[in-house]
Amino acid sequence: MSIVRRQLYYLLLGLGLCLIMTITSCGSPPSSEDPVEWTPLPELTIPPRATFTSAPQAVSSPQPIFCADGARFLEDLSYPDGSLIEPGVELEKRWSVQNSGTCDWGPGYRLVHVGTDPFSGPRDIALYPARSGADAVWRVVLVAPSSPGDYISRWQAQNPDGEPFGDEVYLLVVLPTPTRTPTITPTATP
């Protein structure tokens, strides 16, 4: 259930409970014979407003209640598409991305593996925290397959509710087929 739906659900549940409590506590209206006593309210005094003698300090703004997740791919920082690599080598893939949404990436935000591939490594990692609009670097360490071929490993961001969002990023590499070097066998000359 998304955050917005969950908040709407709790709001409607609370309003319903308030309505039920109001209806059940009303009972019959008071008769004109019942004396009604009013308690006077205490006198309120409003303190004077504070004045500042120096410039106000910057305050970090809280996460908006309703925000949208977003991630935009900017560029490959390592292993451009089609890079030749050796079988079984450990490689560190890095992407430059931007938090293009209005939500800050904090605890619970992950970079998750999408689909299947023969690379060895983690299937999800924590996203580096990034404020809305900020650039970030996503990093995954993988071990290449052992057979020659073209391989792709796809990744996407996921919010704390488990919903994927933003651009998919991927690693696209080529493991070349080994070439045989001819061996020359010496022959005896007569």
N, C-alpha and C. Protein backbone atom coordinates (compact mmCIF):
# COMPACT_ATOMS: atom_id res chain seq x y z
N MET A 1 0.86 -1.17 0.00
CA MET A 1 0.00 0.00 0.00
C MET A 1 0.90 1.23 0.00
N SER A 2 0.64 2.16 -0.85
CA SER A 2 1.48 3.34 -0.95
C SER A 2 1.26 4.24 0.26
N ILE A 3 2.17 5.13 0.49
CA ILE A 3 2.11 6.04 1.63
C ILE A 3 0.85 6.89 1.56
N VAL A 4 0.52 7.39 0.37
CA VAL A 4 -0.66 8.24 0.21
C VAL A 4 -1.93 7.45 0.53
N ARG A 5 -2.03 6.24 0.00
CA ARG A 5 -3.21 5.42 0.27
C ARG A 5 -3.31 5.09 1.76
N ARG A 6 -2.19 4.78 2.38
CA ARG A 6 -2.17 4.44 3.80
C ARG A 6 -2.63 5.65 4.62
N GLN A 7 -2.15 6.83 4.32
CA GLN A 7 -2.54 8.03 5.06
C GLN A 7 -4.02 8.33 4.86
N LEU A 8 -4.53 8.17 3.64
CA LEU A 8 -5.94 8.39 3.37
C LEU A 8 -6.79 7.38 4.14
N TYR A 9 -6.35 6.13 4.19
CA TYR A 9 -7.06 5.09 4.92
C TYR A 9 -7.17 5.46 6.40
N TYR A 10 -6.07 5.86 7.03
CA TYR A 10 -6.09 6.22 8.46
C TYR A 10 -6.92 7.48 8.70
N LEU A 11 -6.91 8.42 7.79
CA LEU A 11 -7.72 9.62 7.94
C LEU A 11 -9.19 9.27 7.92
N LEU A 12 -9.62 8.44 6.95
CA LEU A 12 -11.02 8.04 6.87
C LEU A 12 -11.42 7.19 8.07
N LEU A 13 -10.55 6.33 8.54
CA LEU A 13 -10.82 5.50 9.71
C LEU A 13 -11.03 6.39 10.93
N GLY A 14 -10.17 7.39 11.11
CA GLY A 14 -10.29 8.31 12.25
C GLY A 14 -11.57 9.12 12.19
N LEU A 15 -11.94 9.60 11.01
CA LEU A 15 -13.18 10.36 10.88
C LEU A 15 -14.39 9.49 11.20
N GLY A 16 -14.35 8.25 10.76
CA GLY A 16 -15.46 7.33 11.04
C GLY A 16 -15.61 7.07 12.52
N LEU A 17 -14.49 6.87 13.22
CA LEU A 17 -14.54 6.63 14.66
C LEU A 17 -15.07 7.86 15.40
N CYS A 18 -14.66 9.05 14.98
CA CYS A 18 -15.16 10.28 15.59
C CYS A 18 -16.68 10.39 15.43
N LEU A 19 -17.17 10.08 14.25
CA LEU A 19 -18.60 10.14 13.98
C LEU A 19 -19.36 9.15 14.86
N ILE A 20 -18.84 7.94 14.99
CA ILE A 20 -19.50 6.92 15.82
C ILE A 20 -19.51 7.37 17.28
N MET A 21 -18.41 7.91 17.78
CA MET A 21 -18.34 8.36 19.18
C MET A 21 -19.29 9.53 19.42
N THR A 22 -19.43 10.42 18.47
CA THR A 22 -20.33 11.57 18.61
C THR A 22 -21.77 11.10 18.68
N ILE A 23 -22.15 10.17 17.81
CA ILE A 23 -23.53 9.69 17.77
C ILE A 23 -23.89 8.94 19.04
N THR A 24 -22.99 8.06 19.51
CA THR A 24 -23.30 7.25 20.68
C THR A 24 -23.23 8.04 21.97
N SER A 25 -22.53 9.13 22.05
CA SER A 25 -22.43 9.90 23.30
C SER A 25 -23.52 10.94 23.43
N CYS A 26 -24.31 11.15 22.39
CA CYS A 26 -25.33 12.20 22.44
C CYS A 26 -26.47 11.83 23.37
N GLY A 27 -27.03 10.66 23.25
CA GLY A 27 -28.17 10.26 24.07
C GLY A 27 -29.35 11.17 23.80
N SER A 28 -30.17 11.41 24.84
CA SER A 28 -31.32 12.31 24.67
C SER A 28 -30.90 13.72 25.02
N PRO A 29 -31.57 14.72 24.44
CA PRO A 29 -31.20 16.10 24.72
C PRO A 29 -31.55 16.47 26.16
N PRO A 30 -30.81 17.40 26.76
CA PRO A 30 -31.11 17.76 28.15
C PRO A 30 -32.48 18.45 28.23
N SER A 31 -33.19 18.21 29.36
CA SER A 31 -34.48 18.86 29.54
C SER A 31 -34.25 20.29 30.02
N SER A 32 -35.32 21.09 29.94
CA SER A 32 -35.18 22.48 30.36
C SER A 32 -35.05 22.60 31.86
N GLU A 33 -35.36 21.51 32.59
CA GLU A 33 -35.26 21.53 34.05
C GLU A 33 -33.82 21.29 34.51
N ASP A 34 -32.98 20.68 33.64
CA ASP A 34 -31.60 20.43 34.04
C ASP A 34 -30.85 21.75 34.08
N PRO A 35 -30.23 22.08 35.21
CA PRO A 35 -29.46 23.32 35.26
C PRO A 35 -28.16 23.16 34.48
N VAL A 36 -27.82 24.17 33.74
CA VAL A 36 -26.59 24.16 32.98
C VAL A 36 -25.64 25.15 33.64
N GLU A 37 -24.47 24.67 34.02
CA GLU A 37 -23.49 25.55 34.63
C GLU A 37 -22.33 25.73 33.68
N TRP A 38 -21.93 26.96 33.52
CA TRP A 38 -20.81 27.29 32.64
C TRP A 38 -19.62 27.65 33.48
N THR A 39 -18.50 27.10 33.12
CA THR A 39 -17.26 27.45 33.80
C THR A 39 -16.59 28.54 32.99
N PRO A 40 -16.29 29.67 33.63
CA PRO A 40 -15.63 30.74 32.86
C PRO A 40 -14.23 30.33 32.44
N LEU A 41 -13.84 30.77 31.26
CA LEU A 41 -12.50 30.47 30.75
C LEU A 41 -11.49 31.37 31.45
N PRO A 42 -10.29 30.85 31.72
CA PRO A 42 -9.27 31.71 32.32
C PRO A 42 -8.84 32.78 31.32
N GLU A 43 -8.39 33.89 31.85
CA GLU A 43 -7.94 34.98 30.99
C GLU A 43 -6.60 34.61 30.38
N LEU A 44 -6.48 34.78 29.07
CA LEU A 44 -5.26 34.42 28.37
C LEU A 44 -4.40 35.64 28.16
N THR A 45 -3.12 35.46 28.37
CA THR A 45 -2.18 36.53 28.05
C THR A 45 -1.26 36.04 26.94
N ILE A 46 -1.05 36.85 25.96
CA ILE A 46 -0.22 36.49 24.82
C ILE A 46 1.15 37.12 25.03
N PRO A 47 2.21 36.27 25.05
CA PRO A 47 3.55 36.83 25.25
C PRO A 47 3.97 37.67 24.04
N PRO A 48 4.87 38.63 24.26
CA PRO A 48 5.33 39.45 23.14
C PRO A 48 6.10 38.59 22.14
N ARG A 49 6.12 39.02 20.88
CA ARG A 49 6.85 38.30 19.85
C ARG A 49 8.35 38.45 20.07
N ALA A 50 9.07 37.38 19.71
CA ALA A 50 10.52 37.42 19.83
C ALA A 50 11.10 38.28 18.71
N THR A 51 12.17 38.96 19.01
CA THR A 51 12.86 39.74 17.98
C THR A 51 14.24 39.14 17.80
N PHE A 52 14.73 39.16 16.57
CA PHE A 52 16.02 38.58 16.26
C PHE A 52 17.04 39.69 16.10
N THR A 53 18.20 39.46 16.68
CA THR A 53 19.27 40.45 16.54
C THR A 53 20.28 40.03 15.49
N SER A 54 20.22 38.77 15.04
CA SER A 54 21.13 38.31 14.00
C SER A 54 20.30 37.64 12.90
N ALA A 55 20.96 37.34 11.79
CA ALA A 55 20.27 36.70 10.67
C ALA A 55 19.81 35.31 11.08
N PRO A 56 18.63 34.90 10.66
CA PRO A 56 18.15 33.56 11.02
C PRO A 56 19.03 32.48 10.39
N GLN A 57 19.18 31.38 11.10
CA GLN A 57 19.98 30.25 10.62
C GLN A 57 19.14 29.39 9.68
N ALA A 58 19.80 28.77 8.72
CA ALA A 58 19.11 27.87 7.78
C ALA A 58 18.62 26.65 8.54
N VAL A 59 17.40 26.28 8.29
CA VAL A 59 16.80 25.12 8.94
C VAL A 59 16.48 24.12 7.86
N SER A 60 16.84 22.85 8.11
CA SER A 60 16.53 21.83 7.09
C SER A 60 15.03 21.61 7.07
N SER A 61 14.50 21.52 5.87
CA SER A 61 13.06 21.35 5.73
C SER A 61 12.72 19.87 5.90
N PRO A 62 11.61 19.58 6.58
CA PRO A 62 11.22 18.18 6.74
C PRO A 62 10.74 17.59 5.42
N GLN A 63 10.73 16.28 5.36
CA GLN A 63 10.25 15.57 4.17
C GLN A 63 8.77 15.91 3.98
N PRO A 64 8.36 16.28 2.76
CA PRO A 64 6.94 16.57 2.55
C PRO A 64 6.09 15.32 2.82
N ILE A 65 4.85 15.53 3.28
CA ILE A 65 3.98 14.39 3.57
C ILE A 65 3.67 13.63 2.28
N PHE A 66 3.33 14.36 1.24
CA PHE A 66 3.05 13.73 -0.05
C PHE A 66 4.19 14.12 -0.98
N CYS A 67 4.98 13.13 -1.37
CA CYS A 67 6.09 13.41 -2.27
C CYS A 67 6.12 12.32 -3.35
N ALA A 68 6.86 12.60 -4.39
CA ALA A 68 6.96 11.66 -5.52
C ALA A 68 8.42 11.22 -5.65
N ASP A 69 8.61 9.91 -5.79
CA ASP A 69 9.96 9.38 -6.00
C ASP A 69 10.36 9.55 -7.44
N GLY A 70 11.65 9.79 -7.68
CA GLY A 70 12.15 9.90 -9.04
C GLY A 70 13.66 9.70 -9.07
N ALA A 71 14.17 9.12 -10.14
CA ALA A 71 15.60 8.93 -10.34
C ALA A 71 15.87 9.04 -11.84
N ARG A 72 16.82 9.89 -12.20
CA ARG A 72 17.15 10.10 -13.61
C ARG A 72 18.61 9.72 -13.85
N PHE A 73 18.83 8.83 -14.82
CA PHE A 73 20.18 8.43 -15.20
C PHE A 73 20.88 9.62 -15.86
N LEU A 74 22.14 9.89 -15.44
CA LEU A 74 22.92 10.97 -16.05
C LEU A 74 24.02 10.41 -16.95
N GLU A 75 24.87 9.51 -16.40
CA GLU A 75 25.94 8.94 -17.22
C GLU A 75 26.58 7.74 -16.54
N ASP A 76 27.23 6.89 -17.36
CA ASP A 76 28.04 5.79 -16.85
C ASP A 76 29.35 6.37 -16.36
N LEU A 77 29.77 6.03 -15.15
CA LEU A 77 31.05 6.50 -14.62
C LEU A 77 32.13 5.43 -14.76
N SER A 78 31.73 4.20 -14.97
CA SER A 78 32.70 3.12 -15.20
C SER A 78 32.07 2.11 -16.14
N TYR A 79 32.89 1.37 -16.83
CA TYR A 79 32.48 0.34 -17.78
C TYR A 79 31.37 0.84 -18.72
N PRO A 80 31.74 1.66 -19.72
CA PRO A 80 30.74 2.08 -20.70
C PRO A 80 30.15 0.87 -21.42
N ASP A 81 28.98 1.04 -22.00
CA ASP A 81 28.31 -0.06 -22.71
C ASP A 81 29.25 -0.71 -23.72
N GLY A 82 29.25 -2.06 -23.71
CA GLY A 82 30.06 -2.81 -24.65
C GLY A 82 31.51 -3.00 -24.24
N SER A 83 31.86 -2.66 -22.99
CA SER A 83 33.24 -2.84 -22.52
C SER A 83 33.64 -4.31 -22.59
N LEU A 84 34.88 -4.56 -23.01
CA LEU A 84 35.42 -5.91 -23.03
C LEU A 84 36.03 -6.21 -21.67
N ILE A 85 35.64 -7.33 -21.08
CA ILE A 85 36.20 -7.73 -19.79
C ILE A 85 36.56 -9.21 -19.83
N GLU A 86 37.39 -9.60 -18.92
CA GLU A 86 37.82 -10.99 -18.83
C GLU A 86 36.81 -11.79 -17.99
N PRO A 87 36.64 -13.08 -18.30
CA PRO A 87 35.72 -13.92 -17.52
C PRO A 87 36.15 -13.98 -16.04
N GLY A 88 35.15 -13.94 -15.14
CA GLY A 88 35.40 -14.11 -13.71
C GLY A 88 36.02 -12.91 -13.01
N VAL A 89 36.20 -11.78 -13.69
CA VAL A 89 36.83 -10.62 -13.07
C VAL A 89 35.81 -9.89 -12.18
N GLU A 90 36.29 -9.34 -11.05
CA GLU A 90 35.44 -8.51 -10.19
C GLU A 90 35.44 -7.10 -10.76
N LEU A 91 34.26 -6.52 -10.89
CA LEU A 91 34.18 -5.17 -11.44
C LEU A 91 33.26 -4.31 -10.60
N GLU A 92 33.58 -3.02 -10.56
CA GLU A 92 32.77 -2.05 -9.82
C GLU A 92 32.08 -1.13 -10.83
N LYS A 93 30.77 -1.28 -10.94
CA LYS A 93 30.00 -0.45 -11.87
C LYS A 93 29.45 0.75 -11.10
N ARG A 94 29.63 1.94 -11.68
CA ARG A 94 29.12 3.18 -11.07
C ARG A 94 28.33 3.97 -12.10
N TRP A 95 27.20 4.54 -11.65
CA TRP A 95 26.35 5.39 -12.47
C TRP A 95 26.16 6.73 -11.78
N SER A 96 26.14 7.80 -12.54
CA SER A 96 25.78 9.10 -12.02
C SER A 96 24.28 9.27 -12.25
N VAL A 97 23.55 9.60 -11.17
CA VAL A 97 22.10 9.75 -11.25
C VAL A 97 21.68 11.02 -10.52
N GLN A 98 20.45 11.44 -10.76
CA GLN A 98 19.90 12.60 -10.07
C GLN A 98 18.61 12.18 -9.38
N ASN A 99 18.43 12.63 -8.14
CA ASN A 99 17.16 12.43 -7.45
C ASN A 99 16.18 13.43 -8.06
N SER A 100 15.42 13.00 -9.05
CA SER A 100 14.52 13.88 -9.79
C SER A 100 13.13 13.97 -9.18
N GLY A 101 12.92 13.33 -8.04
CA GLY A 101 11.62 13.38 -7.38
C GLY A 101 11.58 14.47 -6.32
N THR A 102 10.50 14.47 -5.55
CA THR A 102 10.37 15.43 -4.45
C THR A 102 10.64 14.78 -3.10
N CYS A 103 10.82 13.46 -3.07
CA CYS A 103 11.18 12.74 -1.83
C CYS A 103 12.70 12.68 -1.70
N ASP A 104 13.19 12.82 -0.48
CA ASP A 104 14.61 12.60 -0.21
C ASP A 104 14.84 11.09 -0.10
N TRP A 105 15.99 10.62 -0.58
CA TRP A 105 16.33 9.20 -0.42
C TRP A 105 16.98 9.04 0.94
N GLY A 106 16.37 8.26 1.78
CA GLY A 106 16.88 8.04 3.12
C GLY A 106 16.82 6.56 3.45
N PRO A 107 16.67 6.24 4.73
CA PRO A 107 16.60 4.84 5.14
C PRO A 107 15.46 4.13 4.42
N GLY A 108 15.70 2.92 4.01
CA GLY A 108 14.68 2.13 3.33
C GLY A 108 14.72 2.22 1.82
N TYR A 109 15.45 3.18 1.27
CA TYR A 109 15.57 3.29 -0.19
C TYR A 109 16.69 2.35 -0.64
N ARG A 110 16.44 1.57 -1.71
CA ARG A 110 17.37 0.54 -2.16
C ARG A 110 17.57 0.62 -3.66
N LEU A 111 18.69 0.07 -4.10
CA LEU A 111 18.95 -0.19 -5.52
C LEU A 111 18.82 -1.70 -5.65
N VAL A 112 17.86 -2.16 -6.46
CA VAL A 112 17.57 -3.59 -6.55
C VAL A 112 17.86 -4.13 -7.94
N HIS A 113 18.28 -5.37 -7.98
CA HIS A 113 18.57 -6.08 -9.22
C HIS A 113 17.24 -6.41 -9.90
N VAL A 114 17.16 -6.20 -11.21
CA VAL A 114 15.94 -6.46 -11.98
C VAL A 114 16.22 -7.62 -12.93
N GLY A 115 15.38 -8.64 -12.91
CA GLY A 115 15.54 -9.75 -13.84
C GLY A 115 16.60 -10.74 -13.37
N THR A 116 17.12 -11.51 -14.32
CA THR A 116 18.15 -12.51 -14.02
C THR A 116 19.35 -12.29 -14.93
N ASP A 117 20.50 -12.65 -14.43
CA ASP A 117 21.73 -12.62 -15.22
C ASP A 117 22.76 -13.49 -14.50
N PRO A 118 23.83 -13.87 -15.18
CA PRO A 118 24.82 -14.76 -14.56
C PRO A 118 25.88 -14.06 -13.72
N PHE A 119 25.77 -12.76 -13.48
CA PHE A 119 26.74 -12.07 -12.63
C PHE A 119 26.58 -12.52 -11.19
N SER A 120 27.66 -12.60 -10.45
CA SER A 120 27.61 -12.90 -9.01
C SER A 120 27.71 -11.58 -8.27
N GLY A 121 26.97 -11.46 -7.17
CA GLY A 121 27.03 -10.25 -6.36
C GLY A 121 25.72 -10.03 -5.63
N PRO A 122 25.59 -8.87 -5.00
CA PRO A 122 24.38 -8.59 -4.22
C PRO A 122 23.16 -8.44 -5.13
N ARG A 123 22.00 -8.66 -4.58
CA ARG A 123 20.76 -8.49 -5.33
C ARG A 123 20.07 -7.17 -4.98
N ASP A 124 20.52 -6.52 -3.91
CA ASP A 124 20.04 -5.18 -3.59
C ASP A 124 21.04 -4.53 -2.63
N ILE A 125 21.11 -3.22 -2.68
CA ILE A 125 22.00 -2.45 -1.80
C ILE A 125 21.27 -1.18 -1.37
N ALA A 126 21.69 -0.62 -0.24
CA ALA A 126 21.10 0.64 0.23
C ALA A 126 21.52 1.77 -0.69
N LEU A 127 20.58 2.66 -1.00
CA LEU A 127 20.91 3.84 -1.79
C LEU A 127 21.63 4.85 -0.91
N TYR A 128 22.61 5.52 -1.49
CA TYR A 128 23.28 6.59 -0.78
C TYR A 128 22.25 7.71 -0.58
N PRO A 129 22.09 8.25 0.64
CA PRO A 129 21.09 9.30 0.87
C PRO A 129 21.31 10.49 -0.07
N ALA A 130 20.21 11.01 -0.61
CA ALA A 130 20.28 12.18 -1.50
C ALA A 130 19.01 12.99 -1.37
N ARG A 131 19.16 14.28 -1.21
CA ARG A 131 18.00 15.18 -1.16
C ARG A 131 17.39 15.32 -2.55
N SER A 132 16.16 15.72 -2.57
CA SER A 132 15.46 15.97 -3.83
C SER A 132 16.25 16.97 -4.67
N GLY A 133 16.48 16.63 -5.94
CA GLY A 133 17.21 17.51 -6.85
C GLY A 133 18.71 17.32 -6.85
N ALA A 134 19.25 16.55 -5.90
CA ALA A 134 20.69 16.36 -5.79
C ALA A 134 21.18 15.23 -6.71
N ASP A 135 22.45 15.31 -7.10
CA ASP A 135 23.09 14.23 -7.86
C ASP A 135 23.68 13.23 -6.88
N ALA A 136 23.76 11.98 -7.31
CA ALA A 136 24.31 10.91 -6.48
C ALA A 136 25.02 9.90 -7.38
N VAL A 137 25.78 9.01 -6.75
CA VAL A 137 26.45 7.93 -7.47
C VAL A 137 25.94 6.62 -6.91
N TRP A 138 25.46 5.75 -7.80
CA TRP A 138 25.07 4.40 -7.43
C TRP A 138 26.23 3.49 -7.78
N ARG A 139 26.55 2.54 -6.90
CA ARG A 139 27.72 1.68 -7.06
C ARG A 139 27.35 0.23 -6.73
N VAL A 140 27.75 -0.69 -7.62
CA VAL A 140 27.52 -2.12 -7.41
C VAL A 140 28.81 -2.86 -7.77
N VAL A 141 29.22 -3.81 -6.92
CA VAL A 141 30.39 -4.64 -7.20
C VAL A 141 29.89 -6.03 -7.58
N LEU A 142 30.28 -6.47 -8.79
CA LEU A 142 29.83 -7.75 -9.33
C LEU A 142 31.02 -8.57 -9.82
N VAL A 143 30.81 -9.87 -9.98
CA VAL A 143 31.81 -10.75 -10.58
C VAL A 143 31.24 -11.22 -11.92
N ALA A 144 32.04 -11.05 -12.98
CA ALA A 144 31.61 -11.40 -14.34
C ALA A 144 31.42 -12.91 -14.48
N PRO A 145 30.56 -13.31 -15.42
CA PRO A 145 30.39 -14.74 -15.70
C PRO A 145 31.68 -15.34 -16.25
N SER A 146 31.70 -16.66 -16.37
CA SER A 146 32.92 -17.32 -16.82
C SER A 146 32.88 -17.71 -18.30
N SER A 147 31.72 -17.60 -18.94
CA SER A 147 31.60 -17.98 -20.35
C SER A 147 31.60 -16.76 -21.24
N PRO A 148 32.15 -16.87 -22.46
CA PRO A 148 32.12 -15.74 -23.40
C PRO A 148 30.68 -15.38 -23.79
N GLY A 149 30.48 -14.12 -24.13
CA GLY A 149 29.16 -13.67 -24.58
C GLY A 149 28.91 -12.22 -24.23
N ASP A 150 27.73 -11.72 -24.60
CA ASP A 150 27.29 -10.37 -24.25
C ASP A 150 26.36 -10.50 -23.06
N TYR A 151 26.60 -9.69 -22.02
CA TYR A 151 25.81 -9.80 -20.80
C TYR A 151 25.33 -8.43 -20.34
N ILE A 152 24.13 -8.44 -19.72
CA ILE A 152 23.55 -7.21 -19.17
C ILE A 152 23.04 -7.50 -17.76
N SER A 153 23.30 -6.55 -16.86
CA SER A 153 22.79 -6.62 -15.49
C SER A 153 22.00 -5.34 -15.26
N ARG A 154 20.69 -5.47 -14.98
CA ARG A 154 19.81 -4.31 -14.86
C ARG A 154 19.47 -4.03 -13.39
N TRP A 155 19.37 -2.71 -13.06
CA TRP A 155 19.13 -2.27 -11.68
C TRP A 155 18.13 -1.13 -11.68
N GLN A 156 17.35 -1.01 -10.58
CA GLN A 156 16.40 0.09 -10.45
C GLN A 156 16.21 0.43 -8.98
N ALA A 157 15.91 1.70 -8.72
CA ALA A 157 15.68 2.16 -7.35
C ALA A 157 14.33 1.65 -6.86
N GLN A 158 14.24 1.50 -5.52
CA GLN A 158 13.01 1.02 -4.91
C GLN A 158 12.78 1.83 -3.63
N ASN A 159 11.54 2.28 -3.40
CA ASN A 159 11.26 3.07 -2.21
C ASN A 159 10.99 2.16 -1.01
N PRO A 160 10.84 2.72 0.20
CA PRO A 160 10.62 1.88 1.39
C PRO A 160 9.38 1.00 1.32
N ASP A 161 8.40 1.35 0.47
CA ASP A 161 7.21 0.52 0.31
C ASP A 161 7.44 -0.63 -0.68
N GLY A 162 8.66 -0.73 -1.24
CA GLY A 162 8.96 -1.80 -2.19
C GLY A 162 8.55 -1.49 -3.62
N GLU A 163 8.19 -0.23 -3.90
CA GLU A 163 7.77 0.15 -5.25
C GLU A 163 8.96 0.65 -6.06
N PRO A 164 9.21 0.07 -7.24
CA PRO A 164 10.31 0.55 -8.08
C PRO A 164 9.98 1.93 -8.66
N PHE A 165 11.03 2.73 -8.89
CA PHE A 165 10.80 4.05 -9.48
C PHE A 165 12.04 4.49 -10.25
N GLY A 166 11.84 5.44 -11.13
CA GLY A 166 12.95 6.06 -11.86
C GLY A 166 13.47 5.24 -13.01
N ASP A 167 14.54 5.78 -13.63
CA ASP A 167 15.18 5.12 -14.77
C ASP A 167 15.90 3.86 -14.32
N GLU A 168 15.82 2.82 -15.16
CA GLU A 168 16.65 1.63 -14.94
C GLU A 168 18.07 1.97 -15.37
N VAL A 169 19.05 1.43 -14.65
CA VAL A 169 20.45 1.55 -15.05
C VAL A 169 20.96 0.14 -15.30
N TYR A 170 22.01 0.02 -16.10
CA TYR A 170 22.48 -1.33 -16.39
C TYR A 170 23.97 -1.34 -16.71
N LEU A 171 24.51 -2.54 -16.60
CA LEU A 171 25.89 -2.83 -16.98
C LEU A 171 25.79 -3.73 -18.21
N LEU A 172 26.42 -3.33 -19.33
CA LEU A 172 26.41 -4.10 -20.57
C LEU A 172 27.87 -4.35 -20.95
N VAL A 173 28.30 -5.61 -20.87
CA VAL A 173 29.69 -5.96 -21.14
C VAL A 173 29.79 -7.12 -22.11
N VAL A 174 30.97 -7.27 -22.67
CA VAL A 174 31.24 -8.35 -23.61
C VAL A 174 32.42 -9.16 -23.07
N LEU A 175 32.23 -10.47 -22.98
CA LEU A 175 33.33 -11.37 -22.64
C LEU A 175 33.74 -12.04 -23.94
N PRO A 176 34.90 -11.69 -24.48
CA PRO A 176 35.28 -12.20 -25.80
C PRO A 176 35.57 -13.70 -25.78
N THR A 177 35.37 -14.30 -26.94
CA THR A 177 35.73 -15.70 -27.12
C THR A 177 37.24 -15.78 -27.24
N PRO A 178 37.87 -16.66 -26.45
CA PRO A 178 39.33 -16.75 -26.55
C PRO A 178 39.75 -17.22 -27.94
N THR A 179 40.82 -16.66 -28.44
CA THR A 179 41.35 -17.09 -29.73
C THR A 179 42.53 -18.01 -29.48
N ARG A 180 42.61 -19.00 -30.31
CA ARG A 180 43.73 -19.94 -30.18
C ARG A 180 44.92 -19.40 -30.95
N THR A 181 46.05 -19.53 -30.33
CA THR A 181 47.27 -19.17 -31.04
C THR A 181 47.82 -20.44 -31.68
N PRO A 182 48.13 -20.35 -32.93
CA PRO A 182 48.64 -21.56 -33.60
C PRO A 182 50.00 -21.96 -33.01
N THR A 183 50.16 -23.24 -32.89
CA THR A 183 51.45 -23.75 -32.41
C THR A 183 52.21 -24.30 -33.60
N ILE A 184 53.44 -23.96 -33.65
CA ILE A 184 54.29 -24.41 -34.75
C ILE A 184 55.13 -25.56 -34.24
N THR A 185 55.05 -26.64 -34.96
CA THR A 185 55.87 -27.79 -34.58
C THR A 185 57.06 -27.85 -35.54
N PRO A 186 58.22 -27.89 -34.97
CA PRO A 186 59.39 -27.94 -35.84
C PRO A 186 59.47 -29.27 -36.58
N THR A 187 59.93 -29.20 -37.78
CA THR A 187 60.13 -30.42 -38.57
C THR A 187 61.63 -30.52 -38.87
N ALA A 188 62.05 -31.74 -38.97
CA ALA A 188 63.47 -31.97 -39.28
C ALA A 188 63.72 -31.73 -40.76
N THR A 189 64.82 -31.10 -41.06
CA THR A 189 65.16 -30.87 -42.46
C THR A 189 66.19 -31.93 -42.88
N PRO A 190 66.04 -32.47 -44.06
CA PRO A 190 66.96 -33.53 -44.50
C PRO A 190 68.32 -33.01 -44.88
